[in-house]
Amino acid sequence: MTPRKGRARTRDNTPPTAAADAHQPPMVRSYQEQVTLTVQEQLARADANGLFKQGDIKGAAAAYEGALAVTVLDENRLPLLANLGLCRLRLSEFAAAAEGLAAALDLGVACYASPNLALKAAGRRLEACQQLGDEAGARAAIADCSFFLQRSREKGGLAPPKLDLPP
């Protein structure tokens, strides 16, 4: 069977643009650009945190989303996604919370560098999945909780003394 016109595929069956994008080197930024981005990202996060502390959960969620739109560094995306997930939980938007928290836990190196924050994200994802009745998601969140709790202890972090996890 031949592919339809306009639907060309590469040897590994991915669209040509996706294959080309996968092989692009990561964008290299100067030190000054990285510092500028980090400062902007931290200011956006501080604004969102302020709204959350004032009790404006909807406003904080919108501010975290806005901050995520301009945040490119994974180490700065992790706390934004974790905090946005908490806002979504408080707003009873459990599906959005679970999705965003799963994205936070997919940040790899940022999670390994900040296991306490990754542990918070995993615990929040567990709560969202339980509210949704998503057993598979809850089990994945439990595995993440267990992993990051151990990672936090290895790193010498201040892990929660007790984390109640269902069997």
Foldseek 3Di string as FASTA:
>chain_A
DDDDPPQDADPVRDGPVVVVVVPDDDDDDDPVVVVVLVVLLVVLLVVLVVCVVVVNLVVSLVSLVVSCVSHDDLLSNLVSLLSNLVSCVVVVVLVSSLVSLVVSLVSPVSCLVPLQSNLSSLVSNLVSCVVVVNPVSNVVSVVSNVVSLVSCVVVVHDHDPDDDHDD
